[in-house]
N, C-alpha and C. Protein backbone atom coordinates (compact mmCIF):
# COMPACT_ATOMS: atom_id res chain seq x y z
N UNK A 1 49.44 -6.39 152.21
CA UNK A 1 50.92 -6.92 151.99
C UNK A 1 51.45 -6.48 150.74
N UNK A 2 52.64 -5.98 150.73
CA UNK A 2 53.37 -5.59 149.43
C UNK A 2 54.09 -6.84 148.91
N UNK A 3 54.09 -7.07 147.63
CA UNK A 3 54.99 -8.11 147.05
C UNK A 3 56.45 -7.75 147.14
N UNK A 4 57.25 -8.71 147.15
CA UNK A 4 58.73 -8.52 147.06
C UNK A 4 59.24 -7.57 146.07
N UNK A 5 58.66 -7.76 144.82
CA UNK A 5 59.07 -6.84 143.68
C UNK A 5 58.66 -5.43 144.00
N UNK A 6 57.44 -5.19 144.71
CA UNK A 6 57.08 -3.87 145.03
C UNK A 6 57.96 -3.27 146.04
N UNK A 7 58.34 -3.98 147.03
CA UNK A 7 59.33 -3.53 148.01
C UNK A 7 60.55 -2.95 147.42
N UNK A 8 61.13 -3.81 146.56
CA UNK A 8 62.37 -3.41 145.81
C UNK A 8 62.17 -2.13 144.94
N UNK A 9 61.03 -2.06 144.35
CA UNK A 9 60.71 -0.89 143.51
C UNK A 9 60.60 0.35 144.37
N UNK A 10 59.95 0.33 145.41
CA UNK A 10 59.78 1.46 146.24
C UNK A 10 61.00 1.75 147.12
N UNK A 11 61.88 0.90 147.36
CA UNK A 11 63.10 1.18 148.10
C UNK A 11 64.03 1.93 147.09
N UNK A 12 64.04 1.35 145.83
CA UNK A 12 64.87 2.11 144.78
C UNK A 12 64.33 3.50 144.49
N UNK A 13 63.00 3.60 144.30
CA UNK A 13 62.46 4.98 144.10
C UNK A 13 62.71 5.88 145.29
N UNK A 14 62.48 5.38 146.50
CA UNK A 14 62.73 6.31 147.64
C UNK A 14 64.18 6.71 147.81
N UNK A 15 65.13 5.80 147.44
CA UNK A 15 66.65 6.08 147.59
C UNK A 15 66.93 7.24 146.60
N UNK A 16 66.26 7.11 145.33
CA UNK A 16 66.46 8.23 144.41
C UNK A 16 66.01 9.56 144.90
N UNK A 17 64.93 9.60 145.63
CA UNK A 17 64.41 10.93 146.08
C UNK A 17 65.24 11.31 147.27
N UNK A 18 65.78 10.44 148.17
CA UNK A 18 66.65 10.74 149.23
C UNK A 18 67.80 11.54 148.74
N UNK A 19 68.50 10.99 147.67
CA UNK A 19 69.60 11.66 147.08
C UNK A 19 69.30 13.01 146.49
N UNK A 20 68.21 13.05 145.74
CA UNK A 20 67.83 14.28 145.19
C UNK A 20 67.48 15.37 146.03
N UNK A 21 66.93 15.08 147.23
CA UNK A 21 66.51 16.02 148.18
C UNK A 21 67.40 16.29 149.31
N UNK A 22 68.54 15.54 149.24
CA UNK A 22 69.44 15.65 150.41
C UNK A 22 69.79 17.06 150.77
N UNK A 23 69.68 17.48 152.02
CA UNK A 23 70.04 18.81 152.46
C UNK A 23 68.86 19.83 152.32
N UNK A 24 67.88 19.43 151.68
CA UNK A 24 66.71 20.34 151.51
C UNK A 24 66.01 20.58 152.94
N UNK A 25 65.82 21.75 153.24
CA UNK A 25 65.26 22.13 154.55
C UNK A 25 63.79 22.50 154.52
N UNK A 26 63.04 21.91 155.29
CA UNK A 26 61.60 22.38 155.42
C UNK A 26 61.38 22.86 156.86
N UNK A 27 61.37 24.23 156.95
CA UNK A 27 61.31 24.92 158.35
C UNK A 27 60.06 24.28 159.13
N UNK A 28 60.15 23.96 160.41
CA UNK A 28 59.04 23.49 161.17
C UNK A 28 58.86 21.94 161.02
N UNK A 29 59.56 21.30 160.09
CA UNK A 29 59.54 19.91 159.91
C UNK A 29 60.77 19.15 160.05
N UNK A 30 61.80 19.46 159.22
CA UNK A 30 63.06 18.73 159.19
C UNK A 30 63.91 19.08 160.44
N UNK A 31 63.63 20.17 161.05
CA UNK A 31 64.43 20.51 162.28
C UNK A 31 63.80 20.00 163.59
N UNK A 32 62.60 19.33 163.46
CA UNK A 32 62.01 18.77 164.60
C UNK A 32 62.77 17.42 165.10
N UNK A 33 63.10 16.60 164.02
CA UNK A 33 63.92 15.42 164.27
C UNK A 33 65.04 15.38 163.22
N UNK A 34 66.03 16.21 163.54
CA UNK A 34 67.10 16.31 162.54
C UNK A 34 67.83 15.05 162.16
N UNK A 35 67.81 14.01 162.97
CA UNK A 35 68.60 12.94 162.69
C UNK A 35 67.81 11.88 161.93
N UNK A 36 66.53 12.02 161.78
CA UNK A 36 65.73 11.11 160.93
C UNK A 36 65.89 11.43 159.35
N UNK A 37 65.87 10.41 158.61
CA UNK A 37 65.68 10.65 157.20
C UNK A 37 64.19 10.77 156.84
N UNK A 38 63.72 11.85 156.29
CA UNK A 38 62.37 12.01 155.85
C UNK A 38 62.28 12.64 154.62
N UNK A 39 61.15 12.22 153.97
CA UNK A 39 60.84 12.88 152.66
C UNK A 39 59.37 13.23 152.87
N UNK A 40 59.04 14.41 152.55
CA UNK A 40 57.58 14.86 152.66
C UNK A 40 56.94 14.91 151.39
N UNK A 41 55.57 14.81 151.36
CA UNK A 41 54.69 14.93 150.14
C UNK A 41 55.08 13.98 149.03
N UNK A 42 55.10 12.60 149.42
CA UNK A 42 55.44 11.64 148.53
C UNK A 42 54.52 11.58 147.26
N UNK A 43 53.22 12.14 147.57
CA UNK A 43 52.27 12.07 146.36
C UNK A 43 52.79 13.09 145.25
N UNK A 44 53.61 13.95 145.55
CA UNK A 44 54.09 14.88 144.47
C UNK A 44 55.34 14.40 143.73
N UNK A 45 55.93 13.24 144.25
CA UNK A 45 57.20 12.78 143.72
C UNK A 45 57.04 11.80 142.58
N UNK A 46 56.08 10.90 142.75
CA UNK A 46 55.93 9.89 141.77
C UNK A 46 54.52 9.27 141.88
N UNK A 47 53.84 9.06 140.79
CA UNK A 47 52.38 8.59 140.75
C UNK A 47 52.31 7.15 141.47
N UNK A 48 53.47 6.40 141.45
CA UNK A 48 53.28 5.05 141.98
C UNK A 48 53.02 5.18 143.47
N UNK A 49 53.42 6.22 144.15
CA UNK A 49 53.16 6.32 145.65
C UNK A 49 51.54 6.38 145.83
N UNK A 50 50.97 7.17 145.01
CA UNK A 50 49.43 7.23 145.06
C UNK A 50 48.79 5.82 144.75
N UNK A 51 49.39 5.11 143.77
CA UNK A 51 48.75 4.00 143.36
C UNK A 51 48.83 2.91 144.55
N UNK A 52 49.79 3.02 145.40
CA UNK A 52 49.76 2.19 146.59
C UNK A 52 48.50 2.28 147.42
N UNK A 53 47.98 3.53 147.39
CA UNK A 53 46.76 3.91 148.26
C UNK A 53 45.47 3.62 147.43
N UNK A 54 45.60 3.75 146.12
CA UNK A 54 44.40 3.35 145.24
C UNK A 54 44.23 2.04 144.82
N UNK A 55 45.15 1.09 145.29
CA UNK A 55 44.95 -0.37 145.01
C UNK A 55 43.60 -0.76 145.51
N UNK A 56 42.92 -1.69 144.62
CA UNK A 56 41.58 -2.00 144.99
C UNK A 56 41.43 -2.57 146.42
N UNK A 57 42.30 -3.46 146.81
CA UNK A 57 42.28 -4.07 148.17
C UNK A 57 42.35 -3.03 149.23
N UNK A 58 43.34 -2.06 149.01
CA UNK A 58 43.61 -1.04 150.00
C UNK A 58 42.30 -0.07 150.01
N UNK A 59 41.81 0.28 148.90
CA UNK A 59 40.61 1.19 148.89
C UNK A 59 39.37 0.54 149.64
N UNK A 60 39.33 -0.78 149.50
CA UNK A 60 38.18 -1.34 150.17
C UNK A 60 38.26 -1.27 151.69
N UNK A 61 39.48 -1.43 152.22
CA UNK A 61 39.68 -1.39 153.62
C UNK A 61 39.48 0.09 154.18
N UNK A 62 40.13 1.02 153.45
CA UNK A 62 40.00 2.41 153.77
C UNK A 62 38.60 2.95 153.73
N UNK A 63 37.81 2.57 152.78
CA UNK A 63 36.41 3.02 152.69
C UNK A 63 35.58 2.50 153.85
N UNK A 64 35.97 1.40 154.27
CA UNK A 64 35.21 0.87 155.45
C UNK A 64 35.44 1.66 156.76
N UNK A 65 36.72 2.23 156.80
CA UNK A 65 37.06 2.85 157.93
C UNK A 65 36.65 4.35 158.03
N UNK A 66 36.90 5.08 156.84
CA UNK A 66 36.65 6.59 156.90
C UNK A 66 35.88 7.07 155.80
N UNK A 67 35.22 6.35 154.96
CA UNK A 67 34.30 6.88 153.97
C UNK A 67 33.08 7.48 154.72
N UNK A 68 32.65 8.66 154.23
CA UNK A 68 31.62 9.43 154.90
C UNK A 68 30.23 8.94 154.20
N UNK A 69 29.39 8.18 154.86
CA UNK A 69 28.23 7.59 154.31
C UNK A 69 27.11 8.68 154.05
N UNK A 70 27.40 9.92 154.58
CA UNK A 70 26.35 10.92 154.47
C UNK A 70 26.80 11.94 153.43
N UNK A 71 27.91 11.74 152.79
CA UNK A 71 28.31 12.74 151.74
C UNK A 71 27.52 12.40 150.42
N UNK A 72 26.68 13.21 150.03
CA UNK A 72 25.78 12.93 148.89
C UNK A 72 26.35 13.28 147.48
N UNK A 73 27.43 13.89 147.49
CA UNK A 73 27.85 14.44 146.09
C UNK A 73 28.43 13.42 145.18
N UNK A 74 28.80 12.15 145.85
CA UNK A 74 29.35 11.11 145.09
C UNK A 74 28.44 9.85 145.38
N UNK A 75 28.60 8.80 144.53
CA UNK A 75 27.99 7.54 144.80
C UNK A 75 28.44 6.96 146.12
N UNK A 76 27.77 6.25 146.70
CA UNK A 76 28.05 5.73 148.10
C UNK A 76 29.22 4.76 148.05
N UNK A 77 29.41 4.05 146.99
CA UNK A 77 30.54 3.13 146.91
C UNK A 77 31.85 3.81 146.33
N UNK A 78 31.81 5.13 146.25
CA UNK A 78 33.02 5.72 145.76
C UNK A 78 33.69 6.32 146.78
N UNK A 79 35.18 6.19 146.88
CA UNK A 79 35.88 6.83 147.94
C UNK A 79 35.70 8.39 148.08
N UNK A 80 35.36 8.83 149.32
CA UNK A 80 35.27 10.33 149.41
C UNK A 80 36.23 10.88 150.48
N UNK A 81 37.10 10.03 150.95
CA UNK A 81 38.09 10.54 151.94
C UNK A 81 39.34 11.19 151.13
N UNK A 82 40.14 11.90 151.77
CA UNK A 82 41.27 12.66 151.17
C UNK A 82 42.57 12.37 151.83
N UNK A 83 43.67 12.70 151.13
CA UNK A 83 44.95 12.45 151.70
C UNK A 83 45.38 13.82 152.50
N UNK A 84 45.98 13.59 153.69
CA UNK A 84 46.30 14.70 154.52
C UNK A 84 47.74 14.99 154.57
N UNK A 85 48.55 13.74 154.48
CA UNK A 85 50.00 13.88 154.54
C UNK A 85 50.55 12.47 154.13
N UNK A 86 51.79 12.54 153.49
CA UNK A 86 52.30 11.24 152.93
C UNK A 86 53.83 11.42 153.12
N UNK A 87 54.48 10.64 153.97
CA UNK A 87 55.94 10.81 154.13
C UNK A 87 56.73 9.45 154.02
N UNK A 88 58.02 9.56 153.86
CA UNK A 88 58.94 8.45 154.13
C UNK A 88 59.68 8.80 155.38
N UNK A 89 59.89 7.82 156.14
CA UNK A 89 60.72 8.03 157.46
C UNK A 89 61.56 6.86 157.74
N UNK A 90 62.76 7.23 157.91
CA UNK A 90 63.71 6.12 158.49
C UNK A 90 64.00 6.55 159.93
N UNK A 91 63.76 5.56 160.87
CA UNK A 91 63.87 5.80 162.20
C UNK A 91 65.33 6.05 162.69
N UNK A 92 65.49 7.00 163.59
CA UNK A 92 66.82 7.34 164.12
C UNK A 92 66.48 7.67 165.78
N UNK A 93 66.07 8.83 165.88
CA UNK A 93 65.71 9.21 167.32
C UNK A 93 64.37 8.66 167.73
N UNK A 94 64.09 8.49 168.85
CA UNK A 94 62.87 8.09 169.37
C UNK A 94 61.75 9.12 169.04
N UNK A 95 60.53 8.79 168.88
CA UNK A 95 59.35 9.74 168.59
C UNK A 95 58.44 9.52 169.78
N UNK A 96 58.21 10.57 170.55
CA UNK A 96 57.44 10.39 171.70
C UNK A 96 55.95 10.16 171.36
N UNK A 97 55.29 9.61 172.37
CA UNK A 97 53.82 9.34 172.09
C UNK A 97 53.09 10.52 171.68
N UNK A 98 52.23 10.45 170.68
CA UNK A 98 51.43 11.58 170.25
C UNK A 98 50.10 11.07 169.52
N UNK A 99 49.11 12.01 169.11
CA UNK A 99 48.12 11.69 168.33
C UNK A 99 48.14 12.41 167.12
N UNK A 100 47.69 11.94 166.03
CA UNK A 100 47.68 12.72 164.78
C UNK A 100 46.32 13.20 164.34
N UNK A 101 45.37 13.05 165.17
CA UNK A 101 43.94 13.60 165.05
C UNK A 101 43.78 15.06 165.39
N UNK A 102 44.95 15.50 166.01
CA UNK A 102 44.95 16.98 166.55
C UNK A 102 44.10 17.10 167.84
N UNK A 103 43.00 16.43 167.89
CA UNK A 103 42.17 16.48 169.20
C UNK A 103 41.76 15.01 169.47
N UNK A 104 41.68 14.70 170.77
CA UNK A 104 41.07 13.40 171.15
C UNK A 104 39.60 13.46 171.18
N UNK A 105 39.02 12.30 171.08
CA UNK A 105 37.46 12.14 171.11
C UNK A 105 37.12 10.74 171.35
N UNK A 106 36.41 10.53 172.35
CA UNK A 106 35.99 9.12 172.81
C UNK A 106 34.90 8.64 171.65
N UNK A 107 34.71 7.46 171.62
CA UNK A 107 33.65 6.89 170.77
C UNK A 107 34.14 6.20 169.43
N UNK A 108 33.28 5.39 168.80
CA UNK A 108 33.64 4.60 167.66
C UNK A 108 33.91 5.30 166.38
N UNK A 109 33.52 6.62 166.20
CA UNK A 109 33.80 7.22 164.85
C UNK A 109 35.29 7.56 164.53
N UNK A 110 35.74 6.96 163.64
CA UNK A 110 37.11 7.29 163.04
C UNK A 110 37.05 8.26 161.95
N UNK A 111 37.86 9.31 162.07
CA UNK A 111 37.88 10.38 160.93
C UNK A 111 39.21 10.50 160.29
N UNK A 112 40.27 9.93 160.92
CA UNK A 112 41.61 9.99 160.40
C UNK A 112 42.32 8.61 160.70
N UNK A 113 43.16 8.13 159.70
CA UNK A 113 43.93 6.99 159.92
C UNK A 113 45.28 7.09 159.36
N UNK A 114 46.22 6.39 159.95
CA UNK A 114 47.65 6.24 159.34
C UNK A 114 47.71 4.83 158.73
N UNK A 115 48.22 4.82 157.43
CA UNK A 115 48.50 3.65 156.67
C UNK A 115 50.06 3.53 156.49
N UNK A 116 50.59 2.54 157.12
CA UNK A 116 52.14 2.56 157.11
C UNK A 116 52.49 1.22 156.23
N UNK A 117 53.39 1.45 155.26
CA UNK A 117 53.94 0.42 154.51
C UNK A 117 55.47 0.21 154.88
N UNK A 118 55.73 -0.93 155.41
CA UNK A 118 57.09 -1.22 155.91
C UNK A 118 57.95 -1.72 154.67
N UNK A 119 59.04 -0.95 154.47
CA UNK A 119 59.93 -1.27 153.42
C UNK A 119 61.03 -2.23 153.91
N UNK A 120 61.24 -2.29 155.20
CA UNK A 120 62.23 -3.11 155.86
C UNK A 120 61.73 -3.75 157.09
N UNK A 121 62.42 -4.73 157.60
CA UNK A 121 62.00 -5.38 158.81
C UNK A 121 62.15 -4.28 159.90
N UNK A 122 61.10 -4.18 160.81
CA UNK A 122 61.03 -3.27 161.84
C UNK A 122 60.84 -4.01 163.15
N UNK A 123 61.89 -3.81 163.96
CA UNK A 123 61.97 -4.55 165.32
C UNK A 123 62.04 -3.60 166.45
N UNK A 124 61.94 -3.99 167.69
CA UNK A 124 62.00 -3.14 168.79
C UNK A 124 63.26 -2.32 168.95
N UNK A 125 64.36 -2.91 168.61
CA UNK A 125 65.63 -2.23 168.72
C UNK A 125 66.02 -1.23 167.68
N UNK A 126 65.30 -1.31 166.42
CA UNK A 126 65.52 -0.52 165.43
C UNK A 126 64.44 0.59 165.10
N UNK A 127 63.70 0.96 166.10
CA UNK A 127 62.85 2.15 165.93
C UNK A 127 61.34 1.81 165.55
N UNK A 128 60.89 0.58 165.66
CA UNK A 128 59.50 0.35 165.15
C UNK A 128 58.52 1.21 165.91
N UNK A 129 57.36 1.26 165.39
CA UNK A 129 56.17 1.91 165.92
C UNK A 129 55.78 1.46 167.25
N UNK A 130 55.49 2.29 168.20
CA UNK A 130 54.95 1.91 169.50
C UNK A 130 53.57 2.48 169.63
N UNK A 131 52.62 1.69 170.33
CA UNK A 131 51.31 1.99 170.52
C UNK A 131 50.77 1.87 171.92
N UNK A 132 49.74 2.52 172.23
CA UNK A 132 49.04 2.16 173.49
C UNK A 132 47.67 1.65 173.08
N UNK A 133 47.31 0.32 173.11
CA UNK A 133 46.15 -0.24 172.64
C UNK A 133 44.91 0.39 173.41
N UNK A 134 43.83 0.72 172.63
CA UNK A 134 42.68 1.25 173.24
C UNK A 134 42.68 2.68 173.56
N UNK A 135 43.87 3.31 173.42
CA UNK A 135 44.02 4.70 173.88
C UNK A 135 43.10 5.67 173.03
N UNK A 136 42.83 5.26 171.73
CA UNK A 136 42.08 6.07 170.88
C UNK A 136 40.60 6.32 171.38
N UNK A 137 40.16 5.42 172.31
CA UNK A 137 38.74 5.47 172.82
C UNK A 137 38.64 6.24 174.11
N UNK A 138 39.82 6.78 174.64
CA UNK A 138 39.87 7.39 176.00
C UNK A 138 39.33 8.84 175.99
N UNK A 139 39.54 9.53 174.76
CA UNK A 139 39.13 10.87 174.74
C UNK A 139 40.18 11.76 175.47
N UNK A 140 41.40 11.38 175.48
CA UNK A 140 42.44 12.06 176.26
C UNK A 140 43.59 12.24 175.31
N UNK A 141 44.37 13.29 175.65
CA UNK A 141 45.66 13.58 175.00
C UNK A 141 46.65 12.58 175.61
N UNK A 142 47.82 12.46 174.99
CA UNK A 142 48.77 11.43 175.36
C UNK A 142 49.37 11.82 176.73
N UNK A 143 49.78 10.75 177.42
CA UNK A 143 50.65 10.85 178.54
C UNK A 143 52.05 10.55 177.97
N UNK A 144 52.90 11.52 177.85
CA UNK A 144 54.12 11.40 177.10
C UNK A 144 55.00 10.31 177.78
N UNK A 145 54.99 10.20 179.04
CA UNK A 145 55.95 9.25 179.77
C UNK A 145 55.19 7.90 180.06
N UNK A 146 54.10 7.61 179.26
CA UNK A 146 53.36 6.39 179.49
C UNK A 146 54.31 5.30 179.13
N UNK A 147 54.43 4.18 179.98
CA UNK A 147 55.34 3.13 179.71
C UNK A 147 54.80 1.87 179.21
N UNK A 148 53.55 1.51 179.36
CA UNK A 148 53.00 0.31 179.00
C UNK A 148 52.57 0.32 177.46
N UNK A 149 53.57 0.23 176.69
CA UNK A 149 53.34 0.37 175.23
C UNK A 149 53.65 -1.02 174.50
N UNK A 150 53.03 -1.18 173.28
CA UNK A 150 53.30 -2.39 172.57
C UNK A 150 54.02 -2.00 171.33
N UNK A 151 55.03 -2.84 171.02
CA UNK A 151 55.86 -2.57 169.89
C UNK A 151 55.28 -3.28 168.56
N UNK A 152 55.05 -2.57 167.56
CA UNK A 152 54.47 -3.07 166.37
C UNK A 152 55.56 -3.55 165.39
N UNK A 153 56.15 -4.65 165.67
CA UNK A 153 57.27 -5.10 164.86
C UNK A 153 56.59 -5.59 163.48
N UNK A 154 57.39 -5.51 162.37
CA UNK A 154 56.75 -5.75 161.06
C UNK A 154 57.83 -6.48 160.16
N UNK A 155 57.35 -7.11 159.21
CA UNK A 155 58.27 -7.64 158.20
C UNK A 155 58.20 -6.79 156.96
N UNK A 156 59.21 -6.80 156.10
CA UNK A 156 59.13 -6.02 154.82
C UNK A 156 57.92 -6.42 154.00
N UNK A 157 57.08 -5.32 153.68
CA UNK A 157 55.92 -5.54 152.88
C UNK A 157 54.69 -5.59 153.82
N UNK A 158 54.80 -5.54 155.08
CA UNK A 158 53.62 -5.49 156.03
C UNK A 158 52.90 -4.10 155.90
N UNK A 159 51.66 -4.07 155.96
CA UNK A 159 50.85 -2.91 156.03
C UNK A 159 50.16 -2.79 157.33
N UNK A 160 50.37 -1.61 158.10
CA UNK A 160 49.77 -1.42 159.36
C UNK A 160 48.86 -0.17 159.26
N UNK A 161 47.72 -0.42 159.87
CA UNK A 161 46.74 0.77 159.84
C UNK A 161 46.27 1.01 161.29
N UNK A 162 46.23 2.26 161.63
CA UNK A 162 45.66 2.54 162.92
C UNK A 162 44.99 3.93 162.95
N UNK A 163 43.98 4.07 163.94
CA UNK A 163 43.29 5.21 164.15
C UNK A 163 44.12 6.35 164.43
N UNK A 164 43.98 7.60 164.02
CA UNK A 164 44.91 8.58 164.34
C UNK A 164 44.78 9.10 165.71
N UNK A 165 43.64 8.72 166.30
CA UNK A 165 43.62 9.15 167.73
C UNK A 165 44.45 8.21 168.76
N UNK A 166 44.94 7.18 168.08
CA UNK A 166 45.74 6.21 169.01
C UNK A 166 46.92 6.84 169.48
N UNK A 167 47.44 6.65 170.74
CA UNK A 167 48.65 7.15 171.21
C UNK A 167 49.78 6.28 170.57
N UNK A 168 50.60 6.93 169.79
CA UNK A 168 51.73 6.19 169.17
C UNK A 168 52.91 6.95 169.00
N UNK A 169 54.01 6.29 168.73
CA UNK A 169 55.29 6.93 168.50
C UNK A 169 56.21 5.93 167.96
N UNK A 170 57.48 6.14 168.22
CA UNK A 170 58.48 5.15 167.73
C UNK A 170 59.61 5.11 168.66
N UNK A 171 60.20 3.95 168.81
CA UNK A 171 61.44 3.69 169.60
C UNK A 171 62.71 4.26 168.99
N UNK A 172 63.73 4.41 169.67
CA UNK A 172 65.09 4.75 169.07
C UNK A 172 65.60 3.63 168.29
N UNK A 173 66.25 4.00 167.14
CA UNK A 173 67.02 3.06 166.39
C UNK A 173 68.32 2.82 166.95
N UNK A 174 68.63 1.75 167.65
CA UNK A 174 69.84 1.49 168.25
C UNK A 174 70.82 0.73 167.35
N UNK A 175 70.39 0.53 166.17
CA UNK A 175 71.13 -0.30 165.16
C UNK A 175 71.58 0.50 163.93
N UNK A 176 72.19 -0.06 162.95
CA UNK A 176 72.59 0.57 161.76
C UNK A 176 71.49 0.22 160.57
N UNK A 177 70.44 -0.48 161.02
CA UNK A 177 69.43 -0.88 160.03
C UNK A 177 68.61 0.22 159.45
N UNK A 178 68.23 0.18 158.28
CA UNK A 178 67.35 1.20 157.67
C UNK A 178 65.98 1.44 158.31
N UNK A 179 65.26 0.24 158.49
CA UNK A 179 64.02 0.29 159.20
C UNK A 179 63.09 1.39 158.70
N UNK A 180 62.89 1.43 157.42
CA UNK A 180 62.17 2.59 156.77
C UNK A 180 60.69 2.16 156.56
N UNK A 181 59.86 3.21 156.48
CA UNK A 181 58.47 2.98 156.24
C UNK A 181 57.88 4.16 155.56
N UNK A 182 56.88 3.96 154.72
CA UNK A 182 56.03 4.96 154.11
C UNK A 182 54.73 5.09 154.87
N UNK A 183 54.48 6.38 155.30
CA UNK A 183 53.22 6.59 156.09
C UNK A 183 52.35 7.68 155.43
N UNK A 184 51.04 7.19 155.16
CA UNK A 184 50.03 8.11 154.57
C UNK A 184 49.06 8.37 155.72
N UNK A 185 48.73 9.65 155.83
CA UNK A 185 47.48 10.00 156.62
C UNK A 185 46.33 10.26 155.78
N UNK A 186 45.29 9.62 155.98
CA UNK A 186 44.08 9.66 155.14
C UNK A 186 42.86 10.09 156.15
N UNK A 187 41.99 10.88 155.62
CA UNK A 187 41.05 11.52 156.57
C UNK A 187 39.75 11.80 155.84
N UNK A 188 38.70 11.97 156.59
CA UNK A 188 37.35 12.36 155.98
C UNK A 188 37.46 13.63 155.23
N UNK A 189 36.63 13.85 154.27
CA UNK A 189 36.81 14.97 153.43
C UNK A 189 36.64 16.34 154.09
N UNK A 190 36.13 16.41 155.30
CA UNK A 190 35.96 17.71 155.94
C UNK A 190 37.06 18.07 156.88
N UNK A 191 38.12 17.27 156.99
CA UNK A 191 39.22 17.52 157.84
C UNK A 191 40.40 18.28 157.01
N UNK A 192 40.81 19.46 157.54
CA UNK A 192 41.78 20.26 156.91
C UNK A 192 43.11 19.50 156.67
N UNK A 193 43.66 19.54 155.58
CA UNK A 193 44.86 18.81 155.23
C UNK A 193 46.08 19.55 155.81
N UNK A 194 47.01 18.72 156.19
CA UNK A 194 48.35 19.25 156.81
C UNK A 194 49.16 20.04 155.86
N UNK A 195 49.01 19.63 154.52
CA UNK A 195 49.73 20.32 153.52
C UNK A 195 48.68 20.78 152.45
N UNK A 196 49.19 21.66 151.54
CA UNK A 196 48.39 22.13 150.48
C UNK A 196 48.59 21.01 149.34
N UNK A 197 47.92 19.82 149.55
CA UNK A 197 48.21 18.67 148.66
C UNK A 197 48.09 18.89 147.27
N UNK A 198 46.84 19.57 146.77
CA UNK A 198 46.77 19.68 145.27
C UNK A 198 47.90 20.56 144.65
N UNK A 199 48.34 21.61 145.43
CA UNK A 199 49.40 22.37 144.88
C UNK A 199 50.80 21.91 144.96
N UNK A 200 50.92 20.76 145.57
CA UNK A 200 52.18 19.99 145.58
C UNK A 200 52.46 19.29 144.30
N UNK A 201 51.35 19.00 143.58
CA UNK A 201 51.41 18.13 142.41
C UNK A 201 51.46 18.93 141.16
N UNK A 202 52.51 18.63 140.28
CA UNK A 202 52.65 19.44 139.05
C UNK A 202 51.46 19.19 138.09
N UNK A 203 51.27 20.09 137.17
CA UNK A 203 50.21 20.13 136.14
C UNK A 203 50.40 18.74 135.35
N UNK A 204 51.73 18.50 135.03
CA UNK A 204 52.01 17.31 134.20
C UNK A 204 51.63 16.06 134.94
N UNK A 205 51.96 15.93 136.16
CA UNK A 205 51.56 14.65 136.93
C UNK A 205 50.09 14.72 137.18
N UNK A 206 49.42 15.86 137.32
CA UNK A 206 48.04 15.98 137.49
C UNK A 206 47.28 15.45 136.39
N UNK A 207 47.75 15.66 135.26
CA UNK A 207 47.11 15.24 133.98
C UNK A 207 47.10 13.68 133.82
N UNK A 208 47.99 13.09 134.52
CA UNK A 208 48.12 11.60 134.34
C UNK A 208 47.23 10.86 135.50
N UNK A 209 46.62 11.66 136.44
CA UNK A 209 45.89 11.07 137.46
C UNK A 209 44.45 10.70 137.03
N UNK A 210 43.87 9.70 137.45
CA UNK A 210 42.47 9.38 137.32
C UNK A 210 41.73 10.38 138.15
N UNK A 211 40.33 10.42 137.85
CA UNK A 211 39.45 11.25 138.70
C UNK A 211 39.48 10.77 140.07
N UNK A 212 39.51 9.50 140.27
CA UNK A 212 39.55 8.91 141.65
C UNK A 212 40.78 9.29 142.42
N UNK A 213 41.94 9.27 141.66
CA UNK A 213 43.23 9.68 142.26
C UNK A 213 43.25 11.16 142.66
N UNK A 214 42.66 11.92 141.83
CA UNK A 214 42.60 13.29 142.11
C UNK A 214 41.76 13.60 143.28
């Protein structure tokens, strides 16, 4: 759960980057859902975005889900997962059901998760996340037209975490509300990152990061 002051801080910070990056085109990304407001690679924009993920309480939860207990190069109580993607998204068009693990697999092993920080209230009519409970255990790709979905409505400051194998998407925003969210994809160390994360971060910013954040 984010505090009210944190929500205000990140809304202000994100609005700054929305204005700064307005009109910037990322081929293969911004043209997929042109009506959505999106900011990619939040980790390169401001250290505070990373600090949301390295908060002690968040770290404890994430380690339980995707830390690799067999990775011997670090102490077992040290996080050894990595960041695969980090975006801001304001809903507009609907987002069809998909998985972010790239391939389905049955069983209890989780190797990728999404962590979503709600900056605004998110309701059924303004494009909140939709999911198909239990679908991450089926070992199947999504059925795009599957109708029996659950709407993950959220209050500002809520944090929602799901297995990347879960069938999920978003409804259409039928209102004028912002309904914005920050979404980080975190994964086990051996999964290829969606972006070249280290090279998105400037040398100046890198010098300010702790070893754990790096």
